[in-house]
Amino acid sequence: MPEVEINIGGRTFEVSCQEGEEHFLLSAARMLDEEAKVLVEQLGRVPEARMLLMAGLMLADKTAGLEDKLRDSEEAMRGVQEELQSLKARPSPEPEKVEVPVVPSSVTESFAELAARTEAMADEIEEKAKALAAE
């Protein structure tokens, strides 16, 4: 079992841990050390047992707050998942019938004929206007 040297609140401790778990122990020790530093800054030199107890309680308080937030988030996520499942279970809406009007060819032919007649009349009017202007 490896021995790891950790620093907490300016004090050094040797702690044993499982093989391969050293980085977890060092990470936990850093968190505890951060809390202990706050205590030492606020209270000055504190007995070792009291410092460790108070730093541990401060970490426990932070952890409890995070657990509450996690619980609230999980509850909200469950609500969203339930809503998503109900939306997925809902039947698809009936397709709407969309009618696109089609102009019959006889109408387009009639419009073409009217356009041709109108152009012929316009040409005739222009010729008459030119003849009147020439007189």
N, C-alpha and C. Protein backbone atom coordinates (compact mmCIF):
# COMPACT_ATOMS: atom_id res chain seq x y z
N MET A 1 0.85 -1.17 0.00
CA MET A 1 0.00 0.00 0.00
C MET A 1 0.90 1.24 0.00
N PRO A 2 0.72 2.13 -1.00
CA PRO A 2 1.58 3.30 -1.08
C PRO A 2 1.28 4.32 0.03
N GLU A 3 2.33 4.98 0.48
CA GLU A 3 2.21 6.06 1.45
C GLU A 3 2.29 7.38 0.66
N VAL A 4 1.35 8.28 0.94
CA VAL A 4 1.31 9.57 0.26
C VAL A 4 1.45 10.66 1.30
N GLU A 5 2.31 11.63 1.03
CA GLU A 5 2.48 12.76 1.92
C GLU A 5 1.57 13.89 1.46
N ILE A 6 0.72 14.38 2.36
CA ILE A 6 -0.21 15.46 2.02
C ILE A 6 -0.01 16.62 2.98
N ASN A 7 -0.35 17.82 2.54
CA ASN A 7 -0.29 19.02 3.36
C ASN A 7 -1.69 19.56 3.54
N ILE A 8 -2.06 19.79 4.78
CA ILE A 8 -3.38 20.36 5.08
C ILE A 8 -3.18 21.41 6.16
N GLY A 9 -3.53 22.65 5.83
CA GLY A 9 -3.44 23.73 6.79
C GLY A 9 -2.03 23.97 7.31
N GLY A 10 -1.04 23.75 6.46
CA GLY A 10 0.34 23.97 6.86
C GLY A 10 0.95 22.80 7.63
N ARG A 11 0.23 21.73 7.75
CA ARG A 11 0.74 20.55 8.45
C ARG A 11 0.86 19.40 7.46
N THR A 12 1.87 18.56 7.69
CA THR A 12 2.14 17.44 6.79
C THR A 12 1.67 16.14 7.43
N PHE A 13 1.03 15.30 6.61
CA PHE A 13 0.53 14.01 7.08
C PHE A 13 0.94 12.94 6.08
N GLU A 14 1.24 11.74 6.57
CA GLU A 14 1.47 10.60 5.70
C GLU A 14 0.26 9.71 5.78
N VAL A 15 -0.29 9.40 4.60
CA VAL A 15 -1.54 8.64 4.53
C VAL A 15 -1.34 7.48 3.57
N SER A 16 -1.88 6.32 3.92
CA SER A 16 -1.84 5.15 3.04
C SER A 16 -3.10 5.13 2.18
N CYS A 17 -2.95 4.57 1.00
CA CYS A 17 -4.10 4.42 0.11
C CYS A 17 -3.90 3.20 -0.77
N GLN A 18 -4.96 2.83 -1.48
CA GLN A 18 -4.89 1.70 -2.40
C GLN A 18 -3.99 2.05 -3.58
N GLU A 19 -3.38 1.05 -4.16
CA GLU A 19 -2.54 1.24 -5.35
C GLU A 19 -3.36 1.88 -6.46
N GLY A 20 -2.85 2.94 -7.07
CA GLY A 20 -3.54 3.62 -8.17
C GLY A 20 -4.53 4.68 -7.71
N GLU A 21 -4.74 4.82 -6.41
CA GLU A 21 -5.70 5.79 -5.89
C GLU A 21 -5.01 7.07 -5.39
N GLU A 22 -3.72 7.18 -5.63
CA GLU A 22 -2.96 8.32 -5.09
C GLU A 22 -3.51 9.66 -5.59
N HIS A 23 -3.84 9.75 -6.87
CA HIS A 23 -4.32 11.03 -7.40
C HIS A 23 -5.65 11.46 -6.78
N PHE A 24 -6.50 10.47 -6.44
CA PHE A 24 -7.76 10.81 -5.78
C PHE A 24 -7.50 11.34 -4.37
N LEU A 25 -6.57 10.70 -3.66
CA LEU A 25 -6.22 11.14 -2.32
C LEU A 25 -5.63 12.55 -2.36
N LEU A 26 -4.74 12.81 -3.31
CA LEU A 26 -4.13 14.14 -3.42
C LEU A 26 -5.18 15.20 -3.76
N SER A 27 -6.12 14.85 -4.61
CA SER A 27 -7.19 15.79 -4.96
C SER A 27 -8.06 16.10 -3.74
N ALA A 28 -8.43 15.08 -2.99
CA ALA A 28 -9.23 15.29 -1.78
C ALA A 28 -8.45 16.12 -0.76
N ALA A 29 -7.16 15.84 -0.64
CA ALA A 29 -6.32 16.59 0.31
C ALA A 29 -6.24 18.06 -0.10
N ARG A 30 -6.17 18.35 -1.40
CA ARG A 30 -6.14 19.74 -1.86
C ARG A 30 -7.43 20.47 -1.47
N MET A 31 -8.56 19.80 -1.63
CA MET A 31 -9.84 20.42 -1.26
C MET A 31 -9.88 20.70 0.24
N LEU A 32 -9.46 19.74 1.03
CA LEU A 32 -9.44 19.90 2.49
C LEU A 32 -8.46 21.00 2.88
N ASP A 33 -7.33 21.08 2.20
CA ASP A 33 -6.33 22.11 2.47
C ASP A 33 -6.89 23.50 2.17
N GLU A 34 -7.66 23.64 1.10
CA GLU A 34 -8.25 24.94 0.77
C GLU A 34 -9.16 25.41 1.91
N GLU A 35 -9.97 24.51 2.45
CA GLU A 35 -10.85 24.87 3.56
C GLU A 35 -10.04 25.18 4.81
N ALA A 36 -9.00 24.40 5.06
CA ALA A 36 -8.17 24.62 6.23
C ALA A 36 -7.45 25.97 6.14
N LYS A 37 -7.00 26.36 4.95
CA LYS A 37 -6.35 27.65 4.77
C LYS A 37 -7.29 28.80 5.13
N VAL A 38 -8.55 28.67 4.76
CA VAL A 38 -9.55 29.70 5.12
C VAL A 38 -9.64 29.80 6.63
N LEU A 39 -9.70 28.67 7.31
CA LEU A 39 -9.78 28.67 8.77
C LEU A 39 -8.55 29.31 9.40
N VAL A 40 -7.39 28.94 8.92
CA VAL A 40 -6.14 29.47 9.48
C VAL A 40 -6.08 30.98 9.26
N GLU A 41 -6.53 31.45 8.07
CA GLU A 41 -6.54 32.89 7.80
C GLU A 41 -7.49 33.62 8.74
N GLN A 42 -8.64 33.01 9.03
CA GLN A 42 -9.65 33.65 9.87
C GLN A 42 -9.34 33.53 11.36
N LEU A 43 -8.86 32.38 11.79
CA LEU A 43 -8.70 32.11 13.23
C LEU A 43 -7.25 32.06 13.68
N GLY A 44 -6.32 32.03 12.78
CA GLY A 44 -4.93 31.86 13.17
C GLY A 44 -4.64 30.39 13.40
N ARG A 45 -3.64 30.12 14.19
CA ARG A 45 -3.26 28.72 14.44
C ARG A 45 -4.36 28.03 15.24
N VAL A 46 -4.81 26.90 14.71
CA VAL A 46 -5.90 26.13 15.32
C VAL A 46 -5.37 24.73 15.60
N PRO A 47 -5.79 24.11 16.72
CA PRO A 47 -5.35 22.74 16.99
C PRO A 47 -5.71 21.82 15.81
N GLU A 48 -4.82 20.89 15.55
CA GLU A 48 -4.94 20.01 14.39
C GLU A 48 -6.31 19.35 14.29
N ALA A 49 -6.77 18.74 15.36
CA ALA A 49 -8.05 18.02 15.32
C ALA A 49 -9.20 18.98 15.00
N ARG A 50 -9.18 20.16 15.62
CA ARG A 50 -10.25 21.14 15.38
C ARG A 50 -10.20 21.63 13.93
N MET A 51 -9.00 21.91 13.43
CA MET A 51 -8.85 22.39 12.06
C MET A 51 -9.39 21.35 11.08
N LEU A 52 -9.02 20.09 11.27
CA LEU A 52 -9.48 19.03 10.37
C LEU A 52 -10.99 18.85 10.47
N LEU A 53 -11.51 18.92 11.70
CA LEU A 53 -12.95 18.77 11.89
C LEU A 53 -13.71 19.90 11.19
N MET A 54 -13.29 21.14 11.41
CA MET A 54 -13.99 22.28 10.82
C MET A 54 -13.85 22.30 9.30
N ALA A 55 -12.66 21.99 8.80
CA ALA A 55 -12.47 21.95 7.35
C ALA A 55 -13.34 20.85 6.74
N GLY A 56 -13.41 19.70 7.41
CA GLY A 56 -14.26 18.61 6.93
C GLY A 56 -15.73 19.00 6.94
N LEU A 57 -16.16 19.71 7.98
CA LEU A 57 -17.56 20.17 8.04
C LEU A 57 -17.86 21.19 6.94
N MET A 58 -16.90 22.05 6.66
CA MET A 58 -17.11 23.04 5.59
C MET A 58 -17.25 22.33 4.24
N LEU A 59 -16.42 21.31 4.02
CA LEU A 59 -16.53 20.54 2.77
C LEU A 59 -17.86 19.78 2.72
N ALA A 60 -18.26 19.23 3.87
CA ALA A 60 -19.53 18.51 3.93
C ALA A 60 -20.69 19.44 3.61
N ASP A 61 -20.63 20.68 4.10
CA ASP A 61 -21.68 21.66 3.83
C ASP A 61 -21.74 21.96 2.32
N LYS A 62 -20.59 22.17 1.71
CA LYS A 62 -20.56 22.40 0.26
C LYS A 62 -21.11 21.20 -0.49
N THR A 63 -20.73 20.01 -0.05
CA THR A 63 -21.20 18.78 -0.69
C THR A 63 -22.70 18.64 -0.57
N ALA A 64 -23.25 18.96 0.61
CA ALA A 64 -24.70 18.87 0.80
C ALA A 64 -25.42 19.84 -0.13
N GLY A 65 -24.88 21.05 -0.30
CA GLY A 65 -25.48 22.01 -1.22
C GLY A 65 -25.45 21.50 -2.65
N LEU A 66 -24.33 20.90 -3.04
CA LEU A 66 -24.22 20.35 -4.39
C LEU A 66 -25.17 19.16 -4.58
N GLU A 67 -25.33 18.35 -3.54
CA GLU A 67 -26.26 17.21 -3.64
C GLU A 67 -27.69 17.71 -3.81
N ASP A 68 -28.05 18.81 -3.10
CA ASP A 68 -29.39 19.38 -3.27
C ASP A 68 -29.59 19.87 -4.70
N LYS A 69 -28.59 20.56 -5.24
CA LYS A 69 -28.69 21.04 -6.62
C LYS A 69 -28.79 19.87 -7.59
N LEU A 70 -28.01 18.83 -7.34
CA LEU A 70 -28.05 17.65 -8.19
C LEU A 70 -29.43 17.00 -8.14
N ARG A 71 -29.99 16.88 -6.96
CA ARG A 71 -31.32 16.28 -6.80
C ARG A 71 -32.36 17.11 -7.56
N ASP A 72 -32.28 18.44 -7.42
CA ASP A 72 -33.22 19.32 -8.14
C ASP A 72 -33.05 19.17 -9.65
N SER A 73 -31.80 19.10 -10.09
CA SER A 73 -31.54 18.95 -11.53
C SER A 73 -32.05 17.61 -12.05
N GLU A 74 -31.84 16.56 -11.27
CA GLU A 74 -32.33 15.24 -11.70
C GLU A 74 -33.84 15.22 -11.76
N GLU A 75 -34.49 15.89 -10.80
CA GLU A 75 -35.95 15.94 -10.79
C GLU A 75 -36.46 16.72 -12.01
N ALA A 76 -35.81 17.83 -12.32
CA ALA A 76 -36.19 18.62 -13.49
C ALA A 76 -35.96 17.80 -14.76
N MET A 77 -34.86 17.06 -14.81
CA MET A 77 -34.56 16.24 -15.98
C MET A 77 -35.61 15.14 -16.15
N ARG A 78 -36.04 14.55 -15.04
CA ARG A 78 -37.09 13.52 -15.12
C ARG A 78 -38.36 14.12 -15.72
N GLY A 79 -38.69 15.34 -15.28
CA GLY A 79 -39.88 16.01 -15.82
C GLY A 79 -39.77 16.24 -17.31
N VAL A 80 -38.60 16.67 -17.75
CA VAL A 80 -38.38 16.91 -19.17
C VAL A 80 -38.43 15.60 -19.94
N GLN A 81 -37.84 14.54 -19.37
CA GLN A 81 -37.87 13.24 -20.04
C GLN A 81 -39.30 12.71 -20.15
N GLU A 82 -40.11 12.91 -19.09
CA GLU A 82 -41.50 12.47 -19.14
C GLU A 82 -42.27 13.24 -20.22
N GLU A 83 -42.03 14.54 -20.29
CA GLU A 83 -42.70 15.36 -21.30
C GLU A 83 -42.27 14.92 -22.70
N LEU A 84 -40.99 14.64 -22.87
CA LEU A 84 -40.48 14.17 -24.15
C LEU A 84 -41.12 12.85 -24.54
N GLN A 85 -41.23 11.92 -23.57
CA GLN A 85 -41.85 10.63 -23.85
C GLN A 85 -43.32 10.80 -24.24
N SER A 86 -44.03 11.71 -23.53
CA SER A 86 -45.44 11.92 -23.87
C SER A 86 -45.58 12.53 -25.26
N LEU A 87 -44.65 13.41 -25.63
CA LEU A 87 -44.69 13.99 -26.98
C LEU A 87 -44.38 12.94 -28.04
N LYS A 88 -43.45 12.05 -27.73
CA LYS A 88 -43.12 10.97 -28.67
C LYS A 88 -44.29 10.00 -28.81
N ALA A 89 -45.01 9.77 -27.71
CA ALA A 89 -46.12 8.82 -27.72
C ALA A 89 -47.37 9.40 -28.40
N ARG A 90 -47.43 10.70 -28.50
CA ARG A 90 -48.59 11.35 -29.11
C ARG A 90 -48.66 10.96 -30.58
N PRO A 91 -49.87 10.65 -31.06
CA PRO A 91 -49.98 10.29 -32.48
C PRO A 91 -49.66 11.49 -33.37
N SER A 92 -49.16 11.18 -34.53
CA SER A 92 -48.83 12.23 -35.49
C SER A 92 -50.11 12.91 -35.94
N PRO A 93 -50.05 14.19 -36.24
CA PRO A 93 -51.26 14.86 -36.71
C PRO A 93 -51.66 14.34 -38.09
N GLU A 94 -52.96 14.39 -38.35
CA GLU A 94 -53.47 13.95 -39.64
C GLU A 94 -52.90 14.86 -40.72
N PRO A 95 -52.52 14.29 -41.85
CA PRO A 95 -52.00 15.14 -42.92
C PRO A 95 -53.12 16.03 -43.47
N GLU A 96 -52.77 17.26 -43.78
CA GLU A 96 -53.75 18.19 -44.33
C GLU A 96 -53.76 18.05 -45.85
N LYS A 97 -54.96 18.14 -46.40
CA LYS A 97 -55.09 18.08 -47.85
C LYS A 97 -54.90 19.49 -48.38
N VAL A 98 -53.93 19.65 -49.24
CA VAL A 98 -53.65 20.95 -49.84
C VAL A 98 -53.95 20.86 -51.32
N GLU A 99 -54.84 21.73 -51.77
CA GLU A 99 -55.21 21.73 -53.18
C GLU A 99 -54.50 22.89 -53.87
N VAL A 100 -53.84 22.56 -54.95
CA VAL A 100 -53.16 23.56 -55.75
C VAL A 100 -54.00 23.78 -57.00
N PRO A 101 -54.47 25.01 -57.19
CA PRO A 101 -55.32 25.24 -58.36
C PRO A 101 -54.51 25.09 -59.65
N VAL A 102 -55.14 24.46 -60.61
CA VAL A 102 -54.53 24.26 -61.92
C VAL A 102 -55.37 25.05 -62.92
N VAL A 103 -54.71 25.89 -63.68
CA VAL A 103 -55.42 26.69 -64.68
C VAL A 103 -55.61 25.81 -65.92
N PRO A 104 -56.85 25.60 -66.32
CA PRO A 104 -57.10 24.76 -67.50
C PRO A 104 -56.46 25.38 -68.75
N SER A 105 -56.05 24.53 -69.66
CA SER A 105 -55.38 25.01 -70.89
C SER A 105 -56.32 25.88 -71.73
N SER A 106 -57.62 25.62 -71.66
CA SER A 106 -58.56 26.43 -72.45
C SER A 106 -58.53 27.89 -71.98
N VAL A 107 -58.32 28.10 -70.68
CA VAL A 107 -58.26 29.47 -70.15
C VAL A 107 -56.98 30.15 -70.62
N THR A 108 -55.86 29.43 -70.56
CA THR A 108 -54.60 30.04 -71.01
C THR A 108 -54.66 30.34 -72.51
N GLU A 109 -55.32 29.48 -73.27
CA GLU A 109 -55.48 29.73 -74.71
C GLU A 109 -56.34 30.96 -74.95
N SER A 110 -57.40 31.10 -74.12
CA SER A 110 -58.28 32.27 -74.25
C SER A 110 -57.52 33.55 -73.93
N PHE A 111 -56.68 33.50 -72.89
CA PHE A 111 -55.87 34.68 -72.53
C PHE A 111 -54.89 35.03 -73.65
N ALA A 112 -54.30 34.02 -74.25
CA ALA A 112 -53.36 34.26 -75.36
C ALA A 112 -54.08 34.90 -76.53
N GLU A 113 -55.28 34.42 -76.82
CA GLU A 113 -56.08 34.98 -77.92
C GLU A 113 -56.47 36.42 -77.63
N LEU A 114 -56.87 36.70 -76.38
CA LEU A 114 -57.22 38.08 -75.99
C LEU A 114 -56.01 39.00 -76.10
N ALA A 115 -54.84 38.49 -75.68
CA ALA A 115 -53.62 39.29 -75.77
C ALA A 115 -53.31 39.62 -77.23
N ALA A 116 -53.47 38.63 -78.12
CA ALA A 116 -53.18 38.86 -79.53
C ALA A 116 -54.16 39.88 -80.12
N ARG A 117 -55.44 39.78 -79.79
CA ARG A 117 -56.45 40.73 -80.27
C ARG A 117 -56.14 42.14 -79.76
N THR A 118 -55.74 42.22 -78.46
CA THR A 118 -55.44 43.53 -77.86
C THR A 118 -54.26 44.16 -78.56
N GLU A 119 -53.22 43.38 -78.87
CA GLU A 119 -52.06 43.91 -79.57
C GLU A 119 -52.44 44.36 -80.98
N ALA A 120 -53.32 43.60 -81.63
CA ALA A 120 -53.76 43.97 -82.98
C ALA A 120 -54.54 45.28 -82.93
N MET A 121 -55.38 45.43 -81.93
CA MET A 121 -56.16 46.67 -81.78
C MET A 121 -55.23 47.84 -81.49
N ALA A 122 -54.21 47.61 -80.67
CA ALA A 122 -53.26 48.68 -80.35
C ALA A 122 -52.51 49.11 -81.62
N ASP A 123 -52.13 48.13 -82.44
CA ASP A 123 -51.43 48.45 -83.69
C ASP A 123 -52.36 49.27 -84.61
N GLU A 124 -53.61 48.86 -84.67
CA GLU A 124 -54.58 49.55 -85.52
C GLU A 124 -54.80 50.99 -85.05
N ILE A 125 -54.85 51.17 -83.73
CA ILE A 125 -55.05 52.51 -83.17
C ILE A 125 -53.84 53.38 -83.47
N GLU A 126 -52.64 52.81 -83.39
CA GLU A 126 -51.42 53.56 -83.69
C GLU A 126 -51.42 54.00 -85.14
N GLU A 127 -51.80 53.11 -86.05
CA GLU A 127 -51.84 53.45 -87.48
C GLU A 127 -52.83 54.57 -87.75
N LYS A 128 -54.03 54.52 -87.12
CA LYS A 128 -55.03 55.56 -87.30
C LYS A 128 -54.54 56.88 -86.74
N ALA A 129 -53.81 56.80 -85.59
CA ALA A 129 -53.30 58.03 -84.98
C ALA A 129 -52.24 58.65 -85.88
N LYS A 130 -51.41 57.84 -86.51
CA LYS A 130 -50.39 58.34 -87.43
C LYS A 130 -51.05 58.97 -88.66
N ALA A 131 -52.10 58.32 -89.15
CA ALA A 131 -52.80 58.84 -90.34
C ALA A 131 -53.45 60.18 -90.03
N LEU A 132 -54.05 60.33 -88.86
CA LEU A 132 -54.69 61.58 -88.46
C LEU A 132 -53.63 62.66 -88.27
N ALA A 133 -52.48 62.26 -87.73
CA ALA A 133 -51.42 63.25 -87.50
C ALA A 133 -50.84 63.71 -88.82
N ALA A 134 -50.82 62.86 -89.82
CA ALA A 134 -50.26 63.20 -91.14
C ALA A 134 -51.21 64.12 -91.89
N GLU A 135 -52.47 64.18 -91.64
CA GLU A 135 -53.44 65.00 -92.35
C GLU A 135 -53.32 66.41 -91.98
